C-alpha atoms as a PDB file:
ATOM      1  CA  MET A   1      12.086   7.749   5.937  1.00  0.00           C
ATOM      2  CA  TYR A   2      10.021   4.750   5.126  1.00  0.00           C
ATOM      3  CA  LEU A   3       7.021   6.638   4.276  1.00  0.00           C
ATOM      4  CA  ASP A   4       7.510   9.523   2.084  1.00  0.00           C
ATOM      5  CA  SER A   5       4.640  11.576   0.461  1.00  0.00           C
ATOM      6  CA  ALA A   6       4.890   9.662  -2.740  1.00  0.00           C
ATOM      7  CA  LYS A   7       4.033   6.496  -0.956  1.00  0.00           C
ATOM      8  CA  LYS A   8       1.187   8.090   1.113  1.00  0.00           C
ATOM      9  CA  GLN A   9      -0.437   9.595  -2.098  1.00  0.00           C
ATOM     10  CA  GLU A  10      -0.263   6.139  -3.773  1.00  0.00           C
ATOM     11  CA  LEU A  11      -2.036   4.629  -0.606  1.00  0.00           C
ATOM     12  CA  PHE A  12      -4.607   7.332  -0.710  1.00  0.00           C
ATOM     13  CA  GLU A  13      -5.027   6.869  -4.460  1.00  0.00           C
ATOM     14  CA  LYS A  14      -5.559   3.081  -4.348  1.00  0.00           C
ATOM     15  CA  TYR A  15      -7.784   2.749  -1.107  1.00  0.00           C
ATOM     16  CA  GLY A  16      -9.452   6.405  -1.031  1.00  0.00           C
ATOM     17  CA  LYS A  17     -11.727   8.003  -3.467  1.00  0.00           C
ATOM     18  CA  SER A  18      -9.051  10.229  -4.921  1.00  0.00           C
ATOM     19  CA  ALA A  19      -5.206  10.858  -4.418  1.00  0.00           C
ATOM     20  CA  THR A  20      -6.088  13.883  -2.195  1.00  0.00           C
ATOM     21  CA  ASP A  21      -8.598  11.654  -0.159  1.00  0.00           C
ATOM     22  CA  THR A  22      -6.909  11.614   3.351  1.00  0.00           C
ATOM     23  CA  GLY A  23      -9.931  11.433   5.457  1.00  0.00           C
ATOM     24  CA  SER A  24     -11.786   8.502   4.352  1.00  0.00           C
ATOM     25  CA  PRO A  25     -11.638   5.534   6.967  1.00  0.00           C
ATOM     26  CA  GLU A  26     -10.309   3.152   4.167  1.00  0.00           C
ATOM     27  CA  SER A  27      -7.600   5.295   3.255  1.00  0.00           C
ATOM     28  CA  GLN A  28      -6.590   5.866   6.945  1.00  0.00           C
ATOM     29  CA  ILE A  29      -6.798   2.308   7.572  1.00  0.00           C
ATOM     30  CA  ALA A  30      -4.646   1.472   4.601  1.00  0.00           C
ATOM     31  CA  LEU A  31      -2.027   4.064   5.981  1.00  0.00           C
ATOM     32  CA  PHE A  32      -2.253   2.687   9.632  1.00  0.00           C
ATOM     33  CA  SER A  33      -1.849  -0.975   8.169  1.00  0.00           C
ATOM     34  CA  PHE A  34       1.378  -0.016   6.199  1.00  0.00           C
ATOM     35  CA  ARG A  35       2.840   1.774   9.144  1.00  0.00           C
ATOM     36  CA  ILE A  36       1.757  -1.195  11.572  1.00  0.00           C
ATOM     37  CA  SER A  37       3.539  -3.899   9.107  1.00  0.00           C
ATOM     38  CA  HIS A  38       6.707  -1.399   9.183  1.00  0.00           C
ATOM     39  CA  LEU A  39       6.756  -1.238  12.874  1.00  0.00           C
ATOM     40  CA  THR A  40       6.186  -5.075  13.241  1.00  0.00           C
ATOM     41  CA  GLU A  41       9.308  -5.905  11.100  1.00  0.00           C
ATOM     42  CA  HIS A  42      11.294  -3.275  13.261  1.00  0.00           C
ATOM     43  CA  LEU A  43      10.331  -4.894  16.351  1.00  0.00           C
ATOM     44  CA  LYS A  44      11.292  -8.234  15.116  1.00  0.00           C
ATOM     45  CA  LYS A  45      14.927  -7.055  14.709  1.00  0.00           C
ATOM     46  CA  ASN A  46      14.816  -4.714  18.132  1.00  0.00           C
ATOM     47  CA  HIS A  47      12.499  -6.606  20.543  1.00  0.00           C
ATOM     48  CA  LYS A  48      13.661  -4.300  23.445  1.00  0.00           C
ATOM     49  CA  ASP A  49      12.449  -1.132  21.578  1.00  0.00           C
ATOM     50  CA  TYR A  50       9.644  -0.458  24.213  1.00  0.00           C
ATOM     51  CA  GLY A  51       8.932   3.098  22.736  1.00  0.00           C
ATOM     52  CA  THR A  52       8.134   1.683  19.303  1.00  0.00           C
ATOM     53  CA  GLU A  53       6.149  -1.383  20.834  1.00  0.00           C
ATOM     54  CA  ARG A  54       3.745   1.574  22.656  1.00  0.00           C
ATOM     55  CA  ALA A  55       3.512   3.340  19.374  1.00  0.00           C
ATOM     56  CA  LEU A  56       2.607   0.159  17.620  1.00  0.00           C
ATOM     57  CA  LYS A  57      -0.111  -0.886  20.248  1.00  0.00           C
ATOM     58  CA  MET A  58      -1.435   2.762  19.780  1.00  0.00           C
ATOM     59  CA  LEU A  59      -1.738   2.394  15.927  1.00  0.00           C
ATOM     60  CA  VAL A  60      -3.401  -0.878  16.319  1.00  0.00           C
ATOM     61  CA  GLY A  61      -5.988   0.662  18.578  1.00  0.00           C
ATOM     62  CA  LYS A  62      -6.508   3.466  16.156  1.00  0.00           C
ATOM     63  CA  ARG A  63      -7.053   1.066  13.354  1.00  0.00           C
ATOM     64  CA  ARG A  64      -9.520  -1.059  15.377  1.00  0.00           C
ATOM     65  CA  ARG A  65     -11.567   2.102  16.181  1.00  0.00           C
ATOM     66  CA  LEU A  66     -11.731   3.026  12.777  1.00  0.00           C
ATOM     67  CA  LEU A  67     -12.731  -0.516  11.523  1.00  0.00           C
ATOM     68  CA  ASP A  68     -15.377  -0.417  14.291  1.00  0.00           C
ATOM     69  CA  TYR A  69     -16.697   2.848  12.979  1.00  0.00           C
ATOM     70  CA  LEU A  70     -16.637   1.394   9.276  1.00  0.00           C
ATOM     71  CA  ILE A  71     -18.551  -1.617  10.605  1.00  0.00           C
ATOM     72  CA  LYS A  72     -21.426   0.694  12.183  1.00  0.00           C
ATOM     73  CA  ILE A  73     -21.858   2.966   8.818  1.00  0.00           C
ATOM     74  CA  ASP A  74     -21.241   0.269   6.106  1.00  0.00           C
ATOM     75  CA  ILE A  75     -20.656  -3.266   6.448  1.00  0.00           C
ATOM     76  CA  THR A  76     -19.978  -3.660   2.770  1.00  0.00           C
ATOM     77  CA  ARG A  77     -16.938  -0.902   2.803  1.00  0.00           C
ATOM     78  CA  TYR A  78     -15.597  -2.886   5.973  1.00  0.00           C
ATOM     79  CA  ARG A  79     -15.638  -6.076   4.176  1.00  0.00           C
ATOM     80  CA  ALA A  80     -14.014  -4.810   1.015  1.00  0.00           C
ATOM     81  CA  ILE A  81     -11.341  -3.020   3.051  1.00  0.00           C
ATOM     82  CA  ILE A  82     -10.478  -6.165   5.024  1.00  0.00           C
ATOM     83  CA  LYS A  83     -10.313  -8.409   2.242  1.00  0.00           C
ATOM     84  CA  GLU A  84      -8.334  -5.796   0.279  1.00  0.00           C
ATOM     85  CA  LEU A  85      -5.720  -5.447   2.992  1.00  0.00           C
ATOM     86  CA  GLY A  86      -5.691  -8.924   3.998  1.00  0.00           C
ATOM     87  CA  ILE A  87      -5.981  -7.986   7.776  1.00  0.00           C
ATOM     88  CA  ARG A  88      -8.397 -11.024   8.783  1.00  0.00           C
ATOM     89  CA  LYS A  89      -8.022 -14.566   7.911  1.00  0.00           C
END
């Protein structure tokens, strides 16, 4: 699989508070962004894979809701994660 436990732990360590911090919005957004980029590459090759397209849209929605939540609670954390992941231009 493209996302093994070592890669997840690396993402959580880099963007979360610790390697075991799986619940913070920053770590979840980073994980969703990694999965979104993988699914986007898959859909470029397999444009008729509608199940993956639906999963991608749901992941983008989850990430959007987490980003909206992060804006409400702490705008500086939102700006930091956006800049770090390069989500916005």
